[in-house]
Amino acid sequence: MNVHASRALGAAAGADAPVKREIVIATEDGFPLAGTLFDGAGNGPLLLISSATAVPRGFYASFAAAAVQAGARAALIYDYRGSGGSVRPTGWRKRIGMKDWAVLDLPAAARALDMVQPGHEMVGLGQSFGGQALGLCGISGRFARYGMVATLSGYFGGLDDRGARWKMLGVGVPTSYLFRDIPKSLGIGDPIPSTVFRDWARWCSRPDYFFGDPMVPETSRFAEVTTPILALGMTDDAWGTPRAIKGLVRHYANAPVEIRHVSPQDAGAPIGHLGYFRSRFATTLWPDLIGWLLHGTPARLGQPD
């Protein structure tokens, strides 16, 4: 373990456990989102964590708690509309699109977190789609730093998962017309709205992902992002390949971006696309990222791109 990691862990071990409470987040269009707030006594930044597709907020709970114990003022995890605990309200008729998660849900979550201590420094962390969302959300200027884990362009041509195209287009899309939500049995994760899945599959079929989609004019906001970004890729991730990561982060053209590739050797075990936030990596992988998020400490794990 490096010195930076040891210091971060020492700070965490000496801090009181954060106060955890469940909250309901109101979006501009009235969709209630389920959130879990971890409130601490530190004076570090507020931390907003935005999930990967089909991954419930509870997956990030241990990391959020660790960040608050390491000095973050508070951390918030939340479920995008139509997923996890953010169920459709009775009578909801508006189409749920994947871009809504970034354009409506992320800003609402940031407003809710801001209420802990208005105007306090805020940093963000997104896994996979949660990193894409920074460029779409329209509030990138609210974040002092933004960490991205396994964030990539989902275009099939950039992936090493050769079964992804068939699974999504050959099986997933036809299935999506039979159910309101994609069933967990399809193997993509927790259920998500079928309309969201079809958006995702459409983007993955395009070499430019969502950047040329006329239904997503918000991609113009990527040029507005000047927030420092740390993008972590896993060398054993069949989706987050170096070319797929570059295919997305190159659109953050006006932001300082550092890409680092983390290996199973760095972690002491296989990581894959979603594994980074598993608790078994709390002492190997997390301290480096937490130090960067809270203090801007240079990342040391992994190889720079």
C-alpha atoms as a PDB file:
ATOM      1  CA  MET A   1       0.000   0.000   0.000  1.00  0.00           C
ATOM      2  CA  ASN A   2       1.392   3.447  -0.855  1.00  0.00           C
ATOM      3  CA  VAL A   3       1.868   6.275   1.647  1.00  0.00           C
ATOM      4  CA  HIS A   4      -1.037   8.267   0.243  1.00  0.00           C
ATOM      5  CA  ALA A   5      -3.373   5.289   0.700  1.00  0.00           C
ATOM      6  CA  SER A   6      -2.196   4.729   4.257  1.00  0.00           C
ATOM      7  CA  ARG A   7      -2.849   8.349   5.205  1.00  0.00           C
ATOM      8  CA  ALA A   8      -6.310   8.305   3.700  1.00  0.00           C
ATOM      9  CA  LEU A   9      -7.164   5.099   5.530  1.00  0.00           C
ATOM     10  CA  GLY A  10      -5.810   6.482   8.757  1.00  0.00           C
ATOM     11  CA  ALA A  11      -8.065   9.497   8.463  1.00  0.00           C
ATOM     12  CA  ALA A  12     -11.027   7.250   7.771  1.00  0.00           C
ATOM     13  CA  ALA A  13     -10.311   4.979  10.717  1.00  0.00           C
ATOM     14  CA  GLY A  14     -10.185   7.914  13.106  1.00  0.00           C
ATOM     15  CA  ALA A  15     -13.475   9.445  12.058  1.00  0.00           C
ATOM     16  CA  ASP A  16     -16.932   8.770  13.430  1.00  0.00           C
ATOM     17  CA  ALA A  17     -19.302   6.749  11.288  1.00  0.00           C
ATOM     18  CA  PRO A  18     -21.491   9.006   9.134  1.00  0.00           C
ATOM     19  CA  VAL A  19     -25.175   9.492   9.859  1.00  0.00           C
ATOM     20  CA  LYS A  20     -27.147   7.657   7.173  1.00  0.00           C
ATOM     21  CA  ARG A  21     -30.660   8.635   6.189  1.00  0.00           C
ATOM     22  CA  GLU A  22     -33.019   7.921   3.328  1.00  0.00           C
ATOM     23  CA  ILE A  23     -34.377  10.914   1.429  1.00  0.00           C
ATOM     24  CA  VAL A  24     -36.755  11.631  -1.448  1.00  0.00           C
ATOM     25  CA  ILE A  25     -35.386  13.925  -4.148  1.00  0.00           C
ATOM     26  CA  ALA A  26     -37.773  16.056  -6.193  1.00  0.00           C
ATOM     27  CA  THR A  27     -36.922  16.578  -9.865  1.00  0.00           C
ATOM     28  CA  GLU A  28     -38.076  19.534 -11.942  1.00  0.00           C
ATOM     29  CA  ASP A  29     -40.728  17.444 -13.673  1.00  0.00           C
ATOM     30  CA  GLY A  30     -42.039  15.950 -10.444  1.00  0.00           C
ATOM     31  CA  PHE A  31     -40.484  12.478 -10.513  1.00  0.00           C
ATOM     32  CA  PRO A  32     -39.462  11.426  -6.970  1.00  0.00           C
ATOM     33  CA  LEU A  33     -36.017   9.865  -6.706  1.00  0.00           C
ATOM     34  CA  ALA A  34     -34.826   7.645  -3.885  1.00  0.00           C
ATOM     35  CA  GLY A  35     -31.594   8.764  -2.281  1.00  0.00           C
ATOM     36  CA  THR A  36     -29.373   7.849   0.643  1.00  0.00           C
ATOM     37  CA  LEU A  37     -27.446  10.644   2.337  1.00  0.00           C
ATOM     38  CA  PHE A  38     -24.318  10.035   4.413  1.00  0.00           C
ATOM     39  CA  ASP A  39     -23.755  13.053   6.656  1.00  0.00           C
ATOM     40  CA  GLY A  40     -20.466  13.579   8.429  1.00  0.00           C
ATOM     41  CA  ALA A  41     -18.537  16.011  10.579  1.00  0.00           C
ATOM     42  CA  GLY A  42     -15.703  16.681   8.133  1.00  0.00           C
ATOM     43  CA  ASN A  43     -15.177  19.870   6.193  1.00  0.00           C
ATOM     44  CA  GLY A  44     -14.165  18.260   2.910  1.00  0.00           C
ATOM     45  CA  PRO A  45     -16.264  18.585  -0.230  1.00  0.00           C
ATOM     46  CA  LEU A  46     -19.782  17.299  -0.670  1.00  0.00           C
ATOM     47  CA  LEU A  47     -19.665  14.167  -2.831  1.00  0.00           C
ATOM     48  CA  LEU A  48     -22.341  13.216  -5.360  1.00  0.00           C
ATOM     49  CA  ILE A  49     -22.131   9.647  -6.690  1.00  0.00           C
ATOM     50  CA  SER A  50     -23.967   8.785  -9.914  1.00  0.00           C
ATOM     51  CA  SER A  51     -24.499   5.131 -10.772  1.00  0.00           C
ATOM     52  CA  ALA A  52     -23.763   2.920 -13.719  1.00  0.00           C
ATOM     53  CA  THR A  53     -26.709   1.689 -15.789  1.00  0.00           C
ATOM     54  CA  ALA A  54     -28.841  -0.931 -14.001  1.00  0.00           C
ATOM     55  CA  VAL A  55     -26.813  -0.670 -10.795  1.00  0.00           C
ATOM     56  CA  PRO A  56     -28.777   0.279  -7.630  1.00  0.00           C
ATOM     57  CA  ARG A  57     -27.514   3.014  -5.376  1.00  0.00           C
ATOM     58  CA  GLY A  58     -26.790   0.598  -2.518  1.00  0.00           C
ATOM     59  CA  PHE A  59     -23.834  -0.736  -4.489  1.00  0.00           C
ATOM     60  CA  TYR A  60     -22.021   2.544  -3.722  1.00  0.00           C
ATOM     61  CA  ALA A  61     -23.004   2.806  -0.052  1.00  0.00           C
ATOM     62  CA  SER A  62     -19.742   1.498   1.383  1.00  0.00           C
ATOM     63  CA  PHE A  63     -17.665   3.818  -0.790  1.00  0.00           C
ATOM     64  CA  ALA A  64     -19.842   6.804   0.164  1.00  0.00           C
ATOM     65  CA  ALA A  65     -19.445   5.995   3.851  1.00  0.00           C
ATOM     66  CA  ALA A  66     -15.675   5.590   3.434  1.00  0.00           C
ATOM     67  CA  ALA A  67     -15.421   8.987   1.734  1.00  0.00           C
ATOM     68  CA  VAL A  68     -17.319  10.684   4.562  1.00  0.00           C
ATOM     69  CA  GLN A  69     -15.160   8.965   7.173  1.00  0.00           C
ATOM     70  CA  ALA A  70     -12.135  10.231   5.240  1.00  0.00           C
ATOM     71  CA  GLY A  71     -13.384  13.813   5.596  1.00  0.00           C
ATOM     72  CA  ALA A  72     -16.092  14.504   3.024  1.00  0.00           C
ATOM     73  CA  ARG A  73     -18.770  16.796   4.463  1.00  0.00           C
ATOM     74  CA  ALA A  74     -21.488  14.476   3.114  1.00  0.00           C
ATOM     75  CA  ALA A  75     -22.074  12.011   0.287  1.00  0.00           C
ATOM     76  CA  LEU A  76     -25.253  11.249  -1.636  1.00  0.00           C
ATOM     77  CA  ILE A  77     -26.130   8.160  -3.647  1.00  0.00           C
ATOM     78  CA  TYR A  78     -29.392   7.970  -5.602  1.00  0.00           C
ATOM     79  CA  ASP A  79     -31.351   5.878  -8.078  1.00  0.00           C
ATOM     80  CA  TYR A  80     -32.205   7.190 -11.526  1.00  0.00           C
ATOM     81  CA  ARG A  81     -35.888   7.392 -12.418  1.00  0.00           C
ATOM     82  CA  GLY A  82     -37.479   4.045 -13.108  1.00  0.00           C
ATOM     83  CA  SER A  83     -34.648   2.085 -11.486  1.00  0.00           C
ATOM     84  CA  GLY A  84     -33.891   0.811  -8.005  1.00  0.00           C
ATOM     85  CA  GLY A  85     -36.001   2.598  -5.421  1.00  0.00           C
ATOM     86  CA  SER A  86     -37.029   5.393  -7.785  1.00  0.00           C
ATOM     87  CA  VAL A  87     -40.231   3.737  -8.934  1.00  0.00           C
ATOM     88  CA  ARG A  88     -42.747   5.384 -11.249  1.00  0.00           C
ATOM     89  CA  PRO A  89     -45.405   7.347  -9.369  1.00  0.00           C
ATOM     90  CA  THR A  90     -48.928   6.053  -9.815  1.00  0.00           C
ATOM     91  CA  GLY A  91     -50.329   7.445 -13.049  1.00  0.00           C
ATOM     92  CA  TRP A  92     -46.973   8.535 -14.496  1.00  0.00           C
ATOM     93  CA  ARG A  93     -47.341   8.668 -18.281  1.00  0.00           C
ATOM     94  CA  LYS A  94     -44.318  10.627 -19.484  1.00  0.00           C
ATOM     95  CA  ARG A  95     -41.744   8.589 -21.402  1.00  0.00           C
ATOM     96  CA  ILE A  96     -38.606   7.836 -19.423  1.00  0.00           C
ATOM     97  CA  GLY A  97     -35.514   8.349 -21.571  1.00  0.00           C
ATOM     98  CA  MET A  98     -31.948   7.538 -20.698  1.00  0.00           C
ATOM     99  CA  LYS A  99     -30.876  11.145 -21.106  1.00  0.00           C
ATOM    100  CA  ASP A 100     -33.389  12.091 -18.377  1.00  0.00           C
ATOM    101  CA  TRP A 101     -31.066  10.427 -15.896  1.00  0.00           C
ATOM    102  CA  ALA A 102     -28.402  13.025 -16.713  1.00  0.00           C
ATOM    103  CA  VAL A 103     -30.469  16.063 -17.684  1.00  0.00           C
ATOM    104  CA  LEU A 104     -33.084  15.886 -14.906  1.00  0.00           C
ATOM    105  CA  ASP A 105     -32.011  13.424 -12.225  1.00  0.00           C
ATOM    106  CA  LEU A 106     -28.365  14.341 -11.654  1.00  0.00           C
ATOM    107  CA  PRO A 107     -29.106  18.084 -11.241  1.00  0.00           C
ATOM    108  CA  ALA A 108     -31.923  17.286  -8.824  1.00  0.00           C
ATOM    109  CA  ALA A 109     -29.597  15.105  -6.755  1.00  0.00           C
ATOM    110  CA  ALA A 110     -26.971  17.852  -6.715  1.00  0.00           C
ATOM    111  CA  ARG A 111     -29.565  20.349  -5.457  1.00  0.00           C
ATOM    112  CA  ALA A 112     -30.563  17.960  -2.693  1.00  0.00           C
ATOM    113  CA  LEU A 113     -26.939  17.457  -1.649  1.00  0.00           C
ATOM    114  CA  ASP A 114     -26.337  21.201  -1.748  1.00  0.00           C
ATOM    115  CA  MET A 115     -29.004  21.629   0.931  1.00  0.00           C
ATOM    116  CA  VAL A 116     -26.659  19.985   3.451  1.00  0.00           C
ATOM    117  CA  GLN A 117     -24.419  23.056   3.302  1.00  0.00           C
ATOM    118  CA  PRO A 118     -25.401  25.483   0.536  1.00  0.00           C
ATOM    119  CA  GLY A 119     -22.510  26.684  -1.610  1.00  0.00           C
ATOM    120  CA  HIS A 120     -19.998  24.294  -0.050  1.00  0.00           C
ATOM    121  CA  GLU A 121     -17.457  22.770  -2.437  1.00  0.00           C
ATOM    122  CA  MET A 122     -18.901  19.789  -4.312  1.00  0.00           C
ATOM    123  CA  VAL A 123     -17.189  17.007  -6.216  1.00  0.00           C
ATOM    124  CA  GLY A 124     -18.719  14.273  -8.327  1.00  0.00           C
ATOM    125  CA  LEU A 125     -18.074  10.635  -9.058  1.00  0.00           C
ATOM    126  CA  GLY A 126     -19.718   8.595 -11.789  1.00  0.00           C
ATOM    127  CA  GLN A 127     -19.402   4.992 -12.850  1.00  0.00           C
ATOM    128  CA  SER A 128     -19.968   4.203 -16.542  1.00  0.00           C
ATOM    129  CA  PHE A 129     -23.101   6.244 -17.439  1.00  0.00           C
ATOM    130  CA  GLY A 130     -22.550   8.335 -14.334  1.00  0.00           C
ATOM    131  CA  GLY A 131     -19.417   9.732 -15.980  1.00  0.00           C
ATOM    132  CA  GLN A 132     -21.171  10.375 -19.287  1.00  0.00           C
ATOM    133  CA  ALA A 133     -23.827  12.302 -17.370  1.00  0.00           C
ATOM    134  CA  LEU A 134     -21.406  15.074 -16.432  1.00  0.00           C
ATOM    135  CA  GLY A 135     -21.316  16.273 -20.031  1.00  0.00           C
ATOM    136  CA  LEU A 136     -25.100  16.262 -20.417  1.00  0.00           C
ATOM    137  CA  CYS A 137     -26.249  17.595 -17.070  1.00  0.00           C
ATOM    138  CA  GLY A 138     -25.695  21.311 -17.655  1.00  0.00           C
ATOM    139  CA  ILE A 139     -24.303  21.896 -14.136  1.00  0.00           C
ATOM    140  CA  SER A 140     -20.712  20.753 -14.608  1.00  0.00           C
ATOM    141  CA  GLY A 141     -19.492  24.052 -13.181  1.00  0.00           C
ATOM    142  CA  ARG A 142     -20.853  23.054  -9.767  1.00  0.00           C
ATOM    143  CA  PHE A 143     -18.172  20.367  -9.418  1.00  0.00           C
ATOM    144  CA  ALA A 144     -14.618  21.193  -8.367  1.00  0.00           C
ATOM    145  CA  ARG A 145     -13.448  17.753  -9.543  1.00  0.00           C
ATOM    146  CA  TYR A 146     -15.142  14.765 -11.145  1.00  0.00           C
ATOM    147  CA  GLY A 147     -13.989  11.176 -10.970  1.00  0.00           C
ATOM    148  CA  MET A 148     -15.019   8.654 -13.609  1.00  0.00           C
ATOM    149  CA  VAL A 149     -14.754   4.902 -13.188  1.00  0.00           C
ATOM    150  CA  ALA A 150     -15.195   2.696 -16.273  1.00  0.00           C
ATOM    151  CA  THR A 151     -16.742   5.576 -18.223  1.00  0.00           C
ATOM    152  CA  LEU A 152     -16.745   4.962 -21.954  1.00  0.00           C
ATOM    153  CA  SER A 153     -18.474   5.273 -25.292  1.00  0.00           C
ATOM    154  CA  GLY A 154     -20.705   2.230 -25.543  1.00  0.00           C
ATOM    155  CA  TYR A 155     -20.318   1.849 -29.307  1.00  0.00           C
ATOM    156  CA  PHE A 156     -20.086  -1.875 -29.988  1.00  0.00           C
ATOM    157  CA  GLY A 157     -17.017  -1.409 -32.186  1.00  0.00           C
ATOM    158  CA  GLY A 158     -15.001  -0.141 -29.227  1.00  0.00           C
ATOM    159  CA  LEU A 159     -15.772  -3.067 -26.936  1.00  0.00           C
ATOM    160  CA  ASP A 160     -14.020  -6.382 -26.401  1.00  0.00           C
ATOM    161  CA  ASP A 161     -17.349  -7.983 -25.409  1.00  0.00           C
ATOM    162  CA  ARG A 162     -18.205  -9.605 -28.742  1.00  0.00           C
ATOM    163  CA  GLY A 163     -21.573 -10.856 -27.481  1.00  0.00           C
ATOM    164  CA  ALA A 164     -22.817  -7.398 -26.514  1.00  0.00           C
ATOM    165  CA  ARG A 165     -24.325  -6.536 -29.917  1.00  0.00           C
ATOM    166  CA  TRP A 166     -26.399  -9.729 -30.098  1.00  0.00           C
ATOM    167  CA  LYS A 167     -27.428  -9.546 -26.445  1.00  0.00           C
ATOM    168  CA  MET A 168     -28.652  -5.967 -26.754  1.00  0.00           C
ATOM    169  CA  LEU A 169     -30.032  -5.877 -30.311  1.00  0.00           C
ATOM    170  CA  GLY A 170     -30.916  -9.495 -30.950  1.00  0.00           C
ATOM    171  CA  VAL A 171     -32.385 -10.271 -27.545  1.00  0.00           C
ATOM    172  CA  GLY A 172     -32.729  -7.092 -25.498  1.00  0.00           C
ATOM    173  CA  VAL A 173     -34.542  -4.820 -27.918  1.00  0.00           C
ATOM    174  CA  PRO A 174     -37.223  -7.395 -28.911  1.00  0.00           C
ATOM    175  CA  THR A 175     -37.681  -8.203 -25.212  1.00  0.00           C
ATOM    176  CA  SER A 176     -38.096  -4.524 -24.410  1.00  0.00           C
ATOM    177  CA  TYR A 177     -41.332  -4.395 -26.420  1.00  0.00           C
ATOM    178  CA  LEU A 178     -42.848  -7.150 -24.283  1.00  0.00           C
ATOM    179  CA  PHE A 179     -42.221  -5.606 -20.859  1.00  0.00           C
ATOM    180  CA  ARG A 180     -42.430  -2.136 -19.329  1.00  0.00           C
ATOM    181  CA  ASP A 181     -39.073  -2.798 -17.659  1.00  0.00           C
ATOM    182  CA  ILE A 182     -36.225  -4.986 -18.853  1.00  0.00           C
ATOM    183  CA  PRO A 183     -36.318  -8.101 -16.651  1.00  0.00           C
ATOM    184  CA  LYS A 184     -33.307  -8.942 -14.513  1.00  0.00           C
ATOM    185  CA  SER A 185     -33.177 -12.351 -16.184  1.00  0.00           C
ATOM    186  CA  LEU A 186     -31.768 -10.700 -19.317  1.00  0.00           C
ATOM    187  CA  GLY A 187     -28.519 -10.303 -17.401  1.00  0.00           C
ATOM    188  CA  ILE A 188     -27.859  -6.572 -17.736  1.00  0.00           C
ATOM    189  CA  GLY A 189     -28.352  -5.867 -14.034  1.00  0.00           C
ATOM    190  CA  ASP A 190     -31.322  -4.553 -12.089  1.00  0.00           C
ATOM    191  CA  PRO A 191     -34.499  -3.776 -14.082  1.00  0.00           C
ATOM    192  CA  ILE A 192     -34.524  -0.494 -16.001  1.00  0.00           C
ATOM    193  CA  PRO A 193     -37.296   1.039 -18.137  1.00  0.00           C
ATOM    194  CA  SER A 194     -37.543  -0.589 -21.568  1.00  0.00           C
ATOM    195  CA  THR A 195     -37.544   2.865 -23.142  1.00  0.00           C
ATOM    196  CA  VAL A 196     -34.190   3.561 -21.485  1.00  0.00           C
ATOM    197  CA  PHE A 197     -32.824   0.271 -22.749  1.00  0.00           C
ATOM    198  CA  ARG A 198     -33.838   1.082 -26.327  1.00  0.00           C
ATOM    199  CA  ASP A 199     -32.115   4.474 -26.104  1.00  0.00           C
ATOM    200  CA  TRP A 200     -28.981   2.762 -24.830  1.00  0.00           C
ATOM    201  CA  ALA A 201     -29.046   0.101 -27.554  1.00  0.00           C
ATOM    202  CA  ARG A 202     -29.538   2.748 -30.235  1.00  0.00           C
ATOM    203  CA  TRP A 203     -26.541   4.710 -29.014  1.00  0.00           C
ATOM    204  CA  CYS A 204     -24.357   1.605 -28.779  1.00  0.00           C
ATOM    205  CA  SER A 205     -25.110   0.927 -32.450  1.00  0.00           C
ATOM    206  CA  ARG A 206     -23.661   4.280 -33.532  1.00  0.00           C
ATOM    207  CA  PRO A 207     -19.929   4.979 -33.945  1.00  0.00           C
ATOM    208  CA  ASP A 208     -20.542   8.433 -32.447  1.00  0.00           C
ATOM    209  CA  TYR A 209     -22.627   6.948 -29.593  1.00  0.00           C
ATOM    210  CA  PHE A 210     -25.143   9.652 -28.543  1.00  0.00           C
ATOM    211  CA  PHE A 211     -23.237  12.597 -29.981  1.00  0.00           C
ATOM    212  CA  GLY A 212     -24.998  12.573 -33.343  1.00  0.00           C
ATOM    213  CA  ASP A 213     -28.429  11.684 -31.969  1.00  0.00           C
ATOM    214  CA  PRO A 214     -30.856  14.535 -32.744  1.00  0.00           C
ATOM    215  CA  MET A 215     -32.848  13.490 -29.676  1.00  0.00           C
ATOM    216  CA  VAL A 216     -29.874  14.447 -27.480  1.00  0.00           C
ATOM    217  CA  PRO A 217     -29.042  18.082 -28.301  1.00  0.00           C
ATOM    218  CA  GLU A 218     -27.615  18.350 -24.784  1.00  0.00           C
ATOM    219  CA  THR A 219     -24.364  16.832 -26.087  1.00  0.00           C
ATOM    220  CA  SER A 220     -23.399  20.419 -26.960  1.00  0.00           C
ATOM    221  CA  ARG A 221     -22.878  20.903 -23.223  1.00  0.00           C
ATOM    222  CA  PHE A 222     -19.745  18.757 -23.292  1.00  0.00           C
ATOM    223  CA  ALA A 223     -17.882  21.781 -24.657  1.00  0.00           C
ATOM    224  CA  GLU A 224     -18.852  23.731 -21.524  1.00  0.00           C
ATOM    225  CA  VAL A 225     -17.133  21.312 -19.146  1.00  0.00           C
ATOM    226  CA  THR A 226     -13.893  22.670 -17.680  1.00  0.00           C
ATOM    227  CA  THR A 227     -13.963  20.565 -14.506  1.00  0.00           C
ATOM    228  CA  PRO A 228     -10.794  18.525 -13.841  1.00  0.00           C
ATOM    229  CA  ILE A 229     -11.519  14.860 -14.581  1.00  0.00           C
ATOM    230  CA  LEU A 230      -9.803  11.682 -13.424  1.00  0.00           C
ATOM    231  CA  ALA A 231     -10.931   8.777 -15.621  1.00  0.00           C
ATOM    232  CA  LEU A 232     -10.063   5.297 -14.341  1.00  0.00           C
ATOM    233  CA  GLY A 233     -10.199   2.324 -16.667  1.00  0.00           C
ATOM    234  CA  MET A 234      -9.762  -1.311 -15.673  1.00  0.00           C
ATOM    235  CA  THR A 235      -7.431  -3.412 -17.785  1.00  0.00           C
ATOM    236  CA  ASP A 236      -9.728  -6.445 -17.423  1.00  0.00           C
ATOM    237  CA  ASP A 237     -12.902  -4.566 -18.448  1.00  0.00           C
ATOM    238  CA  ALA A 238     -14.315  -5.852 -21.759  1.00  0.00           C
ATOM    239  CA  TRP A 239     -16.460  -2.713 -22.097  1.00  0.00           C
ATOM    240  CA  GLY A 240     -14.101  -0.048 -20.803  1.00  0.00           C
ATOM    241  CA  THR A 241     -11.303  -0.664 -23.281  1.00  0.00           C
ATOM    242  CA  PRO A 242      -8.738   2.099 -23.827  1.00  0.00           C
ATOM    243  CA  ARG A 243     -10.310   2.932 -27.213  1.00  0.00           C
ATOM    244  CA  ALA A 244     -13.828   3.044 -25.721  1.00  0.00           C
ATOM    245  CA  ILE A 245     -12.690   5.312 -22.883  1.00  0.00           C
ATOM    246  CA  LYS A 246     -10.940   7.657 -25.301  1.00  0.00           C
ATOM    247  CA  GLY A 247     -14.018   7.593 -27.522  1.00  0.00           C
ATOM    248  CA  LEU A 248     -15.972   9.251 -24.752  1.00  0.00           C
ATOM    249  CA  VAL A 249     -13.531  11.451 -22.830  1.00  0.00           C
ATOM    250  CA  ARG A 250     -12.204  13.095 -25.997  1.00  0.00           C
ATOM    251  CA  HIS A 251     -15.489  15.003 -26.043  1.00  0.00           C
ATOM    252  CA  TYR A 252     -14.471  16.697 -22.788  1.00  0.00           C
ATOM    253  CA  ALA A 253     -12.226  18.776 -25.008  1.00  0.00           C
ATOM    254  CA  ASN A 254     -12.029  21.821 -22.722  1.00  0.00           C
ATOM    255  CA  ALA A 255     -11.506  19.971 -19.459  1.00  0.00           C
ATOM    256  CA  PRO A 256      -8.194  18.777 -18.015  1.00  0.00           C
ATOM    257  CA  VAL A 257      -8.514  14.985 -18.228  1.00  0.00           C
ATOM    258  CA  GLU A 258      -6.196  12.388 -16.744  1.00  0.00           C
ATOM    259  CA  ILE A 259      -6.739   8.760 -17.761  1.00  0.00           C
ATOM    260  CA  ARG A 260      -5.240   5.958 -15.683  1.00  0.00           C
ATOM    261  CA  HIS A 261      -5.510   2.222 -16.306  1.00  0.00           C
ATOM    262  CA  VAL A 262      -5.867   0.112 -13.152  1.00  0.00           C
ATOM    263  CA  SER A 263      -5.009  -3.579 -13.274  1.00  0.00           C
ATOM    264  CA  PRO A 264      -5.941  -6.626 -11.184  1.00  0.00           C
ATOM    265  CA  GLN A 265      -2.344  -6.530  -9.972  1.00  0.00           C
ATOM    266  CA  ASP A 266      -2.987  -3.066  -8.517  1.00  0.00           C
ATOM    267  CA  ALA A 267      -6.153  -4.337  -6.854  1.00  0.00           C
ATOM    268  CA  GLY A 268      -5.024  -7.778  -5.790  1.00  0.00           C
ATOM    269  CA  ALA A 269      -7.993  -9.392  -7.554  1.00  0.00           C
ATOM    270  CA  PRO A 270      -9.968  -9.156 -10.827  1.00  0.00           C
ATOM    271  CA  ILE A 271     -12.008  -5.934 -11.152  1.00  0.00           C
ATOM    272  CA  GLY A 272     -13.957  -5.958 -14.421  1.00  0.00           C
ATOM    273  CA  HIS A 273     -16.470  -3.334 -15.504  1.00  0.00           C
ATOM    274  CA  LEU A 274     -18.371  -2.936 -12.230  1.00  0.00           C
ATOM    275  CA  GLY A 275     -16.097  -4.375  -9.567  1.00  0.00           C
ATOM    276  CA  TYR A 276     -14.216  -1.234  -8.490  1.00  0.00           C
ATOM    277  CA  PHE A 277     -16.785  -0.303  -5.828  1.00  0.00           C
ATOM    278  CA  ARG A 278     -16.892  -3.715  -4.152  1.00  0.00           C
ATOM    279  CA  SER A 279     -15.820  -3.557  -0.527  1.00  0.00           C
ATOM    280  CA  ARG A 280     -12.924  -5.958  -1.064  1.00  0.00           C
ATOM    281  CA  PHE A 281     -11.097  -3.053  -2.728  1.00  0.00           C
ATOM    282  CA  ALA A 282     -11.615  -0.639   0.172  1.00  0.00           C
ATOM    283  CA  THR A 283      -7.953  -0.759   1.201  1.00  0.00           C
ATOM    284  CA  THR A 284      -6.354  -1.138  -2.222  1.00  0.00           C
ATOM    285  CA  LEU A 285      -8.240   0.998  -4.741  1.00  0.00           C
ATOM    286  CA  TRP A 286     -10.514   3.374  -2.881  1.00  0.00           C
ATOM    287  CA  PRO A 287      -8.027   5.531  -0.914  1.00  0.00           C
ATOM    288  CA  ASP A 288      -6.291   6.759  -4.072  1.00  0.00           C
ATOM    289  CA  LEU A 289      -9.557   7.961  -5.622  1.00  0.00           C
ATOM    290  CA  ILE A 290     -10.905   9.362  -2.359  1.00  0.00           C
ATOM    291  CA  GLY A 291      -7.709  11.358  -1.889  1.00  0.00           C
ATOM    292  CA  TRP A 292      -8.038  12.836  -5.372  1.00  0.00           C
ATOM    293  CA  LEU A 293     -11.716  13.678  -4.913  1.00  0.00           C
ATOM    294  CA  LEU A 294     -11.403  15.282  -1.501  1.00  0.00           C
ATOM    295  CA  HIS A 295      -8.012  16.935  -1.750  1.00  0.00           C
ATOM    296  CA  GLY A 296      -6.898  16.862  -5.377  1.00  0.00           C
ATOM    297  CA  THR A 297      -4.015  14.599  -4.358  1.00  0.00           C
ATOM    298  CA  PRO A 298      -2.375  13.158  -7.497  1.00  0.00           C
ATOM    299  CA  ALA A 299      -3.536   9.633  -8.273  1.00  0.00           C
ATOM    300  CA  ARG A 300      -0.814   7.021  -8.015  1.00  0.00           C
ATOM    301  CA  LEU A 301      -2.501   3.722  -8.825  1.00  0.00           C
ATOM    302  CA  GLY A 302      -2.531   2.401 -12.350  1.00  0.00           C
ATOM    303  CA  GLN A 303      -0.637   3.408 -15.444  1.00  0.00           C
ATOM    304  CA  PRO A 304      -1.204   6.810 -17.049  1.00  0.00           C
ATOM    305  CA  ASP A 305      -2.552   6.767 -20.578  1.00  0.00           C
END
